[in-house]
Protein backbone atom coordinates (compact mmCIF):
# COMPACT_ATOMS: atom_id res chain seq x y z
CA MET A 1 -64.77 -10.97 -108.07
CA ALA A 2 -61.83 -9.14 -109.47
CA GLY A 3 -62.01 -6.56 -106.70
CA HIS A 4 -61.96 -9.32 -104.08
CA LYS A 5 -58.79 -10.82 -105.54
CA SER A 6 -57.14 -7.41 -105.66
CA SER A 7 -57.83 -6.70 -101.98
CA GLN A 8 -56.56 -10.16 -101.02
CA GLY A 9 -53.28 -9.54 -102.90
CA ARG A 10 -52.80 -6.24 -101.14
CA ARG A 11 -53.23 -7.92 -97.73
CA GLU A 12 -50.67 -10.61 -98.68
CA MET A 13 -48.13 -8.02 -99.73
CA SER A 14 -48.68 -6.08 -96.54
CA ARG A 15 -48.13 -9.24 -94.49
CA LYS A 16 -44.87 -9.98 -96.30
CA GLU A 17 -43.67 -6.41 -95.85
CA SER A 18 -44.37 -6.61 -92.12
CA GLU A 19 -42.40 -9.88 -91.92
CA VAL A 20 -39.48 -8.22 -93.69
CA ASP A 21 -39.60 -5.26 -91.33
CA THR A 22 -39.62 -7.59 -88.33
CA GLY A 23 -36.61 -9.47 -89.68
CA GLN A 24 -34.75 -6.26 -90.17
CA ASP A 25 -35.54 -5.24 -86.60
CA VAL A 26 -34.21 -8.57 -85.30
CA GLU A 27 -31.07 -8.20 -87.36
CA ASN A 28 -30.57 -4.64 -86.12
CA LEU A 29 -31.06 -5.82 -82.54
CA TRP A 30 -28.32 -8.44 -82.88
CA SER A 31 -25.99 -5.90 -84.46
CA THR A 32 -26.57 -3.57 -81.51
CA LEU A 33 -25.83 -6.33 -79.00
CA LEU A 34 -22.64 -7.32 -80.78
CA ALA A 35 -21.49 -3.70 -80.87
CA GLU A 36 -22.11 -3.36 -77.13
CA VAL A 37 -20.17 -6.54 -76.39
CA GLN A 38 -17.23 -5.34 -78.46
CA THR A 39 -17.29 -1.98 -76.69
CA SER A 40 -17.36 -3.59 -73.26
CA ARG A 41 -14.54 -5.97 -74.21
CA SER A 42 -12.38 -3.07 -75.35
CA ALA A 43 -12.88 -1.44 -71.94
CA GLN A 44 -11.69 -4.54 -70.09
CA LEU A 45 -8.20 -4.86 -68.68
CA PRO A 46 -5.73 -6.16 -71.29
CA THR A 47 -4.33 -9.65 -70.87
CA THR A 48 -1.11 -9.22 -72.84
CA LYS A 49 0.89 -7.22 -70.28
CA SER A 50 3.94 -8.80 -68.65
CA LEU A 51 6.88 -8.14 -66.31
CA LEU A 52 10.48 -9.18 -66.89
CA LEU A 53 12.75 -9.38 -63.82
CA LEU A 54 16.52 -9.28 -64.28
CA GLY A 55 19.26 -9.36 -61.65
CA ASP A 56 22.09 -11.35 -60.11
CA LYS A 57 21.61 -14.32 -57.82
CA GLU A 58 20.42 -13.43 -54.32
CA SER A 59 19.14 -10.08 -55.57
CA GLY A 60 15.67 -10.78 -54.19
CA LYS A 61 13.76 -11.27 -57.45
CA THR A 62 11.82 -14.37 -56.38
CA THR A 63 11.00 -13.03 -52.92
CA LEU A 64 9.86 -9.71 -54.34
CA ILE A 65 7.54 -11.20 -56.95
CA ALA A 66 6.14 -13.61 -54.35
CA LYS A 67 5.29 -10.61 -52.17
CA LEU A 68 3.45 -8.99 -55.07
CA GLN A 69 1.58 -12.26 -55.63
CA GLY A 70 0.70 -12.67 -51.96
CA ASN A 71 2.64 -15.93 -51.89
CA GLU A 72 4.17 -16.67 -48.47
CA ASP A 73 6.19 -19.70 -49.59
CA PRO A 74 8.28 -18.68 -52.63
CA LYS A 75 10.20 -21.33 -54.54
CA LYS A 76 13.30 -20.43 -56.51
CA GLY A 77 13.48 -21.70 -60.05
CA SER A 78 16.28 -21.99 -62.55
CA GLY A 79 16.73 -20.69 -66.05
CA LEU A 80 13.63 -18.71 -67.04
CA GLU A 81 10.65 -18.97 -64.69
CA TYR A 82 7.08 -17.99 -65.60
CA GLY A 83 4.19 -16.97 -63.38
CA TYR A 84 1.44 -14.39 -63.06
CA ILE A 85 -0.08 -11.87 -60.65
CA ASP A 86 -3.83 -11.52 -60.24
CA VAL A 87 -4.90 -7.91 -60.87
CA ARG A 88 -8.39 -6.76 -59.93
CA ASP A 89 -10.19 -3.54 -60.77
CA GLU A 90 -12.70 -2.94 -57.99
CA TYR A 91 -14.31 -0.01 -59.79
CA ARG A 92 -15.17 -1.86 -62.98
CA GLU A 93 -15.44 -5.27 -61.30
CA ASP A 94 -12.90 -6.63 -63.72
CA HIS A 95 -9.78 -8.71 -63.26
CA THR A 96 -6.87 -9.95 -65.35
CA ARG A 97 -3.48 -11.62 -65.03
CA LEU A 98 -0.17 -9.81 -65.20
CA SER A 99 2.39 -12.30 -66.47
CA HIS A 100 5.94 -12.24 -65.18
CA TRP A 101 9.22 -13.79 -66.30
CA ILE A 102 12.15 -14.22 -63.88
CA LEU A 103 15.59 -14.86 -65.36
CA ASP A 104 18.04 -16.37 -62.87
CA GLY A 105 21.34 -14.69 -62.14
CA ASP A 106 23.39 -16.87 -64.48
CA THR A 107 24.31 -14.65 -67.42
CA SER A 108 24.79 -17.73 -69.59
CA HIS A 109 20.97 -18.05 -69.62
CA THR A 110 20.39 -14.69 -71.30
CA ASN A 111 19.59 -16.54 -74.51
CA LEU A 112 16.29 -17.47 -72.82
CA LEU A 113 15.19 -13.85 -73.16
CA THR A 114 14.06 -14.89 -76.63
CA PHE A 115 10.93 -16.35 -75.00
CA ALA A 116 10.26 -13.49 -72.56
CA LEU A 117 10.85 -10.37 -74.70
CA THR A 118 9.87 -10.55 -78.35
CA GLU A 119 8.96 -8.06 -81.05
CA GLU A 120 5.28 -8.94 -80.52
CA ASN A 121 5.13 -8.19 -76.76
CA TYR A 122 7.78 -5.45 -76.72
CA ALA A 123 5.31 -2.61 -76.16
CA ASP A 124 3.50 -4.57 -73.42
CA THR A 125 6.58 -5.48 -71.35
CA THR A 126 7.82 -3.73 -68.21
CA VAL A 127 11.38 -4.53 -67.10
CA LEU A 128 12.55 -4.61 -63.46
CA LEU A 129 16.29 -4.48 -62.75
CA CYS A 130 16.83 -5.85 -59.23
CA VAL A 131 19.91 -5.23 -57.06
CA SER A 132 20.41 -5.96 -53.36
CA MET A 133 21.57 -3.69 -50.56
CA THR A 134 23.38 -6.66 -48.97
CA THR A 135 26.19 -6.08 -51.49
CA PRO A 136 26.15 -2.34 -52.17
CA TRP A 137 29.65 -2.44 -53.68
CA ASN A 138 28.25 -4.48 -56.61
CA ILE A 139 25.13 -2.41 -57.32
CA MET A 140 26.41 -0.23 -60.14
CA ASP A 141 28.32 -3.03 -61.87
CA GLN A 142 25.22 -5.21 -61.79
CA LEU A 143 22.98 -2.46 -63.17
CA GLN A 144 25.37 -1.69 -66.00
CA ASN A 145 25.84 -5.37 -66.77
CA TRP A 146 22.13 -6.24 -66.99
CA ALA A 147 21.30 -3.08 -68.90
CA SER A 148 23.97 -3.99 -71.47
CA LEU A 149 22.66 -7.56 -71.75
CA LEU A 150 19.15 -6.21 -72.24
CA GLN A 151 20.37 -3.81 -74.93
CA ASP A 152 22.18 -6.65 -76.72
CA HIS A 153 18.99 -8.70 -76.76
CA ILE A 154 16.94 -5.77 -78.07
CA ASP A 155 19.43 -5.23 -80.89
CA LYS A 156 18.83 -8.81 -82.02
CA LEU A 157 15.05 -8.39 -82.26
CA PRO A 158 13.65 -7.90 -85.79
CA LEU A 159 12.34 -4.40 -85.03
CA SER A 160 12.24 -1.83 -87.79
CA GLY A 161 13.72 1.62 -87.37
CA GLU A 162 10.24 3.16 -87.33
CA GLU A 163 9.11 0.85 -84.53
CA VAL A 164 12.18 1.59 -82.41
CA LYS A 165 11.69 5.32 -82.89
CA LYS A 166 8.02 5.01 -81.95
CA TYR A 167 8.80 3.19 -78.68
CA GLN A 168 11.52 5.67 -77.79
CA THR A 169 9.21 8.59 -78.52
CA GLU A 170 6.54 7.16 -76.24
CA THR A 171 9.08 6.80 -73.42
CA TRP A 172 10.29 10.37 -74.00
CA GLN A 173 6.72 11.69 -73.96
CA ARG A 174 5.75 9.80 -70.76
CA TRP A 175 8.84 11.25 -69.07
CA GLN A 176 7.99 14.82 -70.04
CA GLU A 177 4.30 14.55 -69.17
CA TYR A 178 4.84 13.43 -65.59
CA THR A 179 2.92 15.58 -63.10
CA GLU A 180 2.74 15.37 -59.33
CA PRO A 181 -0.33 13.44 -58.10
CA GLY A 182 -3.08 15.82 -57.08
CA ASP A 183 -2.08 18.59 -59.48
CA GLU A 184 -5.47 19.32 -61.01
CA GLN A 185 -4.23 22.12 -63.22
CA GLU A 186 -2.62 19.67 -65.61
CA VAL A 187 -4.88 17.82 -68.03
CA ALA A 188 -3.96 14.21 -68.63
CA SER A 189 -3.06 13.39 -72.22
CA PRO A 190 -4.01 10.17 -74.02
CA THR A 191 -0.51 8.79 -73.54
CA LYS A 192 -0.99 8.76 -69.77
CA ARG A 193 -3.42 5.92 -70.21
CA GLY A 194 -0.52 3.63 -71.01
CA ARG A 195 0.66 1.88 -74.10
CA GLY A 196 -1.96 -0.15 -75.88
CA LEU A 197 -4.85 1.77 -74.26
CA GLY A 198 -4.71 4.81 -76.52
CA GLU A 199 -3.10 5.95 -79.74
CA VAL A 200 -1.23 9.22 -80.17
CA GLU A 201 -2.46 11.11 -83.22
CA GLY A 202 0.21 12.88 -85.23
CA GLU A 203 3.79 13.56 -84.34
CA PRO A 204 4.11 14.64 -80.67
CA ASP A 205 5.76 17.97 -79.91
CA LEU A 206 8.65 17.02 -77.59
CA GLU A 207 10.83 19.48 -75.76
CA PRO A 208 14.56 18.79 -75.47
CA LEU A 209 15.61 17.02 -72.29
CA PRO A 210 18.56 17.99 -70.08
CA GLU A 211 21.92 16.50 -70.99
CA GLY A 212 22.22 12.89 -69.83
CA THR A 213 18.47 12.35 -69.38
CA LEU A 214 17.25 9.42 -71.49
CA ALA A 215 20.67 9.20 -73.09
CA ARG A 216 20.10 5.44 -73.39
CA ASN A 217 16.44 5.22 -74.28
CA LEU A 218 15.41 1.56 -74.71
CA GLY A 219 11.76 2.34 -75.47
CA LEU A 220 10.67 0.17 -72.52
CA GLU A 221 8.99 0.85 -69.21
CA LEU A 222 11.96 0.37 -66.86
CA LEU A 223 12.14 0.17 -63.05
CA VAL A 224 15.22 -0.17 -60.83
CA VAL A 225 14.37 -1.98 -57.58
CA VAL A 226 16.86 -1.98 -54.70
CA THR A 227 15.85 -4.90 -52.44
CA LYS A 228 16.71 -5.86 -48.85
CA THR A 229 17.10 -2.28 -47.63
CA ASP A 230 16.66 -3.52 -44.05
CA TYR A 231 20.32 -4.56 -44.31
CA MET A 232 21.34 -0.92 -44.05
CA MET A 233 21.40 -1.27 -40.27
CA GLU A 234 23.91 -4.11 -40.58
CA LEU A 235 26.05 -1.99 -42.89
CA GLU A 236 26.10 0.78 -40.30
CA LYS A 237 26.95 -1.56 -37.46
CA ASP A 238 29.41 -3.97 -39.09
CA PHE A 239 30.99 -1.86 -41.84
CA ASP A 240 30.74 1.64 -40.35
CA TYR A 241 28.54 3.02 -43.13
CA LYS A 242 27.42 6.62 -42.65
CA ASP A 243 24.59 8.64 -44.15
CA GLU A 244 26.97 10.06 -46.73
CA HIS A 245 27.71 6.54 -47.99
CA PHE A 246 24.01 5.85 -48.52
CA ASP A 247 23.58 9.25 -50.17
CA PHE A 248 26.48 8.47 -52.49
CA ILE A 249 24.86 5.14 -53.42
CA GLN A 250 21.51 6.81 -54.03
CA GLN A 251 22.88 9.57 -56.24
CA ALA A 252 24.76 7.04 -58.38
CA ILE A 253 21.61 4.93 -58.88
CA ARG A 254 19.50 7.99 -59.65
CA LYS A 255 21.95 9.10 -62.33
CA PHE A 256 21.67 5.66 -63.88
CA CYS A 257 17.87 5.96 -63.81
CA LEU A 258 18.07 9.33 -65.55
CA GLN A 259 20.06 7.79 -68.39
CA TYR A 260 17.51 5.01 -68.97
CA GLY A 261 14.34 6.91 -67.99
CA ALA A 262 13.69 4.44 -65.17
CA SER A 263 11.75 4.71 -61.93
CA LEU A 264 13.47 3.86 -58.64
CA PHE A 265 12.19 1.84 -55.68
CA TYR A 266 13.89 0.94 -52.39
CA THR A 267 12.06 -2.10 -50.99
CA SER A 268 12.28 -4.51 -48.07
CA VAL A 269 10.10 -7.60 -48.04
CA LYS A 270 11.26 -8.41 -44.51
CA GLU A 271 10.14 -5.01 -43.18
CA ASP A 272 7.31 -4.71 -45.75
CA LYS A 273 8.54 -1.36 -47.02
CA ASN A 274 7.37 -0.02 -50.38
CA CYS A 275 6.15 -3.44 -51.55
CA ASP A 276 2.50 -2.44 -51.69
CA LEU A 277 3.50 0.90 -53.22
CA LEU A 278 5.44 -0.92 -55.93
CA TYR A 279 2.37 -3.00 -56.81
CA LYS A 280 0.16 0.10 -57.03
CA TYR A 281 2.70 1.89 -59.18
CA LEU A 282 2.99 -1.07 -61.56
CA VAL A 283 -0.75 -1.39 -62.13
CA HIS A 284 -0.91 2.40 -62.52
CA ARG A 285 1.71 2.46 -65.27
CA ILE A 286 0.49 -0.71 -66.96
CA PHE A 287 -3.31 -0.64 -66.51
CA ASN A 288 -3.92 3.08 -65.78
CA PHE A 289 -5.08 2.49 -62.20
CA PRO A 290 -5.25 5.64 -60.05
CA PHE A 291 -2.06 6.53 -58.17
CA LYS A 292 -1.71 9.42 -55.75
CA THR A 293 1.68 8.96 -54.07
CA PRO A 294 4.36 11.57 -54.81
CA ALA A 295 8.10 10.95 -54.77
CA LEU A 296 9.56 9.79 -51.42
CA VAL A 297 13.14 10.78 -50.59
CA VAL A 298 13.07 11.38 -46.81
CA GLU A 299 13.57 7.83 -45.53
CA LYS A 300 16.84 6.46 -46.81
CA ASP A 301 15.58 2.83 -46.85
CA ALA A 302 12.21 3.57 -48.52
CA VAL A 303 13.05 5.79 -51.49
CA PHE A 304 10.55 6.09 -54.35
CA ILE A 305 11.25 8.21 -57.44
CA PRO A 306 8.77 7.93 -60.34
CA ALA A 307 9.92 8.26 -63.91
CA GLY A 308 9.86 11.91 -65.01
CA TRP A 309 10.22 13.45 -61.53
CA ASP A 310 13.98 13.49 -61.08
CA ASN A 311 16.67 15.76 -62.49
CA ASP A 312 20.25 16.81 -61.78
CA LYS A 313 19.25 19.66 -59.45
CA LYS A 314 17.25 17.35 -57.21
CA ILE A 315 20.10 14.85 -57.11
CA ALA A 316 22.51 17.65 -56.16
CA ILE A 317 20.68 18.04 -52.84
CA LEU A 318 22.35 14.81 -51.72
CA TYR A 319 25.78 16.39 -52.22
CA GLU A 320 25.26 18.66 -49.23
CA ASN A 321 25.66 15.73 -46.84
CA MET A 322 28.85 14.42 -48.46
CA HIS A 323 31.87 15.70 -46.55
CA SER A 324 34.53 13.03 -46.98
CA VAL A 325 33.51 11.85 -50.46
CA ARG A 326 32.83 13.55 -53.78
CA PRO A 327 29.96 12.61 -56.11
CA ASP A 328 32.31 12.41 -59.11
CA GLN A 329 34.51 9.74 -57.49
CA TYR A 330 34.59 6.27 -58.97
CA TYR A 331 31.87 4.21 -57.33
CA THR A 332 33.96 1.34 -55.97
CA ASP A 333 36.55 3.77 -54.60
CA VAL A 334 33.94 5.00 -52.15
CA ILE A 335 31.80 1.87 -51.75
CA ALA A 336 34.56 -0.74 -51.71
CA ARG A 337 34.18 -4.40 -50.91
CA PRO A 338 35.21 -4.88 -47.24
CA MET A 339 38.12 -7.25 -46.66
CA SER A 340 36.18 -8.96 -43.87
CA VAL A 341 33.63 -10.12 -46.44
CA VAL A 342 36.38 -11.70 -48.53
CA GLY A 343 37.91 -13.28 -45.42
CA ARG A 344 34.58 -14.75 -44.34
CA LYS A 345 34.03 -16.29 -47.77
CA GLN A 346 37.50 -17.82 -47.81
CA GLN A 347 37.15 -19.10 -44.26
CA SER A 348 33.76 -20.65 -44.94
CA SER A 349 35.14 -22.40 -48.02
CA LYS A 350 38.01 -23.90 -46.00
CA GLU A 351 35.95 -25.16 -43.06
CA LEU A 352 36.09 -28.93 -42.74
CA GLU A 353 33.58 -31.16 -41.09
CA VAL A 354 34.78 -32.48 -37.70
CA VAL A 355 33.62 -36.01 -36.89
CA ALA A 356 33.74 -37.25 -33.31
CA GLU A 357 35.63 -40.47 -32.61
CA GLU A 358 33.49 -43.56 -32.21
CA GLU A 359 32.92 -44.33 -28.54
CA GLN A 360 34.13 -47.94 -28.51
CA ASN A 361 37.30 -47.06 -30.41
CA PHE A 362 38.05 -44.35 -27.87
CA LEU A 363 37.48 -46.64 -24.89
CA GLY A 364 39.50 -49.44 -26.44
CA ARG A 365 42.41 -47.10 -27.08
CA GLN A 366 42.33 -45.88 -23.49
CA GLN A 367 42.26 -49.48 -22.26
CA HIS A 368 45.34 -50.22 -24.35
CA LEU A 369 47.14 -47.23 -22.89
CA LEU A 370 46.33 -48.28 -19.35
CA GLN A 371 47.58 -51.82 -20.03
CA GLN A 372 50.83 -50.43 -21.45
CA GLY A 373 51.32 -48.19 -18.45
CA VAL A 374 51.54 -45.11 -20.70
CA PRO A 375 49.99 -41.96 -19.25
CA PRO A 376 47.01 -41.00 -21.43
CA GLY A 377 48.26 -37.42 -21.69
CA GLY A 378 51.84 -38.45 -22.50
CA GLY A 379 53.80 -38.48 -25.72
CA GLY A 380 53.43 -40.79 -28.65
CA SER A 381 50.69 -41.11 -31.16
CA GLY A 382 48.47 -42.94 -28.71
CA GLY A 383 48.40 -39.98 -26.34
CA VAL A 384 47.18 -37.38 -28.81
CA ILE A 385 43.75 -36.03 -27.92
CA PRO A 386 41.36 -36.55 -30.82
CA ALA A 387 40.01 -33.37 -32.39
CA GLY A 388 36.44 -34.61 -32.17
CA VAL A 389 36.48 -35.02 -28.37
CA GLN A 390 35.74 -31.86 -26.49
CA LYS A 391 34.87 -30.88 -22.96
CA THR A 392 31.23 -31.07 -22.03
CA PRO A 393 29.52 -29.92 -18.83
CA ASP A 394 28.16 -33.38 -18.00
CA ARG A 395 31.68 -34.63 -17.40
CA LYS A 396 31.74 -32.80 -14.04
CA VAL A 397 28.85 -34.65 -12.43
CA VAL A 398 29.43 -36.62 -9.25
CA GLY A 399 30.89 -40.02 -10.01
CA SER A 400 32.92 -38.98 -13.05
CA PRO A 401 36.69 -39.63 -13.08
CA GLY A 402 37.51 -35.97 -12.73
CA VAL A 403 35.48 -35.57 -9.53
CA GLN A 404 36.30 -38.65 -7.44
CA GLY A 405 39.33 -38.03 -5.25
CA SER A 406 42.18 -35.63 -5.64
CA PRO A 407 45.31 -36.42 -7.67
CA LYS A 408 47.42 -35.11 -4.81
CA LYS A 409 46.16 -37.72 -2.32
CA MET A 410 48.66 -40.59 -2.64
CA GLU A 411 48.20 -42.45 0.64
CA GLY A 412 47.09 -46.04 0.25
CA THR A 413 44.81 -48.10 2.44
CA PRO A 414 46.58 -50.77 4.49
CA GLY A 415 46.19 -54.21 3.01
CA LYS A 416 45.34 -52.98 -0.47
CA PRO A 417 47.53 -52.15 -3.46
CA LEU A 418 48.42 -48.53 -3.85
CA GLY A 419 46.83 -48.31 -7.26
CA ALA A 420 43.45 -49.34 -5.89
CA ASN A 421 43.09 -46.05 -3.99
CA THR A 422 44.62 -43.80 -6.64
CA SER A 423 42.83 -42.08 -9.45
CA GLU A 424 44.34 -44.54 -11.96
CA GLY A 425 42.65 -47.40 -10.23
CA VAL A 426 39.34 -45.61 -10.21
CA LEU A 427 39.86 -44.71 -13.85
CA ALA A 428 40.64 -48.30 -14.78
CA ASN A 429 37.50 -49.54 -13.04
CA PHE A 430 35.50 -46.85 -14.78
CA PHE A 431 36.63 -47.88 -18.28
CA ASN A 432 36.19 -51.56 -17.42
CA SER A 433 32.60 -50.94 -16.35
CA LEU A 434 31.86 -49.08 -19.59
CA LEU A 435 33.39 -51.78 -21.76
CA THR A 436 31.59 -54.50 -19.82
CA LYS A 437 28.25 -52.82 -20.32
CA LYS A 438 28.80 -52.14 -24.01
CA THR A 439 30.46 -55.36 -25.17
CA GLY A 440 30.02 -57.80 -22.31
CA GLY A 441 33.36 -59.43 -23.18
CA VAL A 442 35.84 -57.63 -20.97
CA SER A 443 36.66 -58.89 -17.49
CA PRO A 444 36.78 -56.29 -14.73
CA GLY A 445 40.11 -57.63 -13.62
CA LEU A 446 41.69 -57.42 -17.03
CA VAL A 447 42.82 -53.81 -16.75
CA GLN A 448 45.32 -52.86 -14.10
CA SER A 449 46.37 -49.43 -13.06
CA PRO A 450 49.70 -48.02 -14.20
CA ALA A 451 50.72 -47.77 -10.57
CA THR A 452 50.37 -51.52 -10.07
CA LEU A 453 52.17 -52.34 -13.32
CA GLY A 454 54.95 -49.85 -12.68
CA GLY A 455 55.38 -50.79 -9.03
CA GLY A 456 55.51 -47.20 -7.88
CA SER A 457 53.40 -44.24 -7.03
CA PRO A 458 51.85 -42.32 -9.83
CA GLN A 459 53.13 -38.87 -10.73
CA PRO A 460 50.89 -35.95 -9.84
CA GLU A 461 51.73 -34.27 -13.15
CA THR A 462 50.31 -37.22 -15.10
CA ASP A 463 47.10 -37.17 -13.14
CA CYS A 464 46.61 -33.49 -13.71
CA LYS A 465 47.13 -33.83 -17.45
CA PHE A 466 44.56 -36.59 -17.71
CA TYR A 467 42.02 -34.69 -15.63
CA SER A 468 42.40 -31.66 -17.84
CA PHE A 469 41.51 -33.89 -20.78
CA LEU A 470 38.37 -35.28 -19.15
CA VAL A 471 37.00 -32.19 -17.47
């Protein structure tokens, strides 16, 4: 009996142990699934990345971002505008949204940068400085102005000295580690995966940069975008721009990019130049997408210079084409604002709207002149031709006052007044018929010709003046 109870206890303990083991297996299975989910989530595209577009009014910011979005009907906003770009990774079948902030060209709205660039999203923000080729004489002033405003905003952020140094070091390292696409001899470092996708262990070993390069390191991913490059043809035709002028503009912008460690893009939404390349470069720098396009400097309206590629020696190649200008000249001394542009702006501001005289007032005034016997083209305030009345081709159709008869034919028909066969008589009947049709209150016999009232033949000079007014 005792042996039976002992065997039964052993079976019960074994059953409980098996239940415990099964529970442990279930718990281990859930832990494995959670670990896999966390791993897959870490491999997904980040959702915290954003773009910040700065530039003057009419610099093409809204049109450019609409092109990157695939939006064919862009709407301009005011103040600080928010939107996003859909980004898809076809290899990993993943997608995310790249946020963008557009600050309008009013510098009084720079206080709104508080919402777009903060200490929390500083490392995840890419800044685009936009300038337009429609006003090349303003390009350098605009770049310097917006870069200074951006620097002022950064100085107000509660960033510690260690954080600022870290961001600047990352920018320095990305600049030095640039390699031409397709160069398989170089091994990509963890920093090439972009900020937020990998951590740099230890203090990086940085080589000194040439003088002037990254002299104003903001610790941000920075791009300079020159928009509306299709306007270069208009500059050549209307303002006599030569290749050396465009080379001078390019070398000045590239020197600015060297100072800030920025990439450079020449784009044209109208001609669809470099827009798709800009999108690919952005997702490459931000999300580590593959990118295989080297620097482009052959076409003057489609320049592309990635950050880390350029240097003073490469810029000096542009000097060879400058014969009448020097690269060290002040920018606006070479690329000056044309006087014709100023004149057009002043003229357009002084243009006044011209309103045509109301038809019945005109006809009534002519009726009064005919009753007074005053030639319509004569002196006095009543004979002044209104500014709103101009010659039109339909005044020369058959049956109009300027076509019937000749002012030099003065002979009258026997038995009829002289004025009935003259142009004044025909003119009086013409105005009477118009007034009768419009108002219905004027008698055809009310208006008499000046010849009948004056008792003499009309003067050929008067007829010619009046015809010149009507024809």
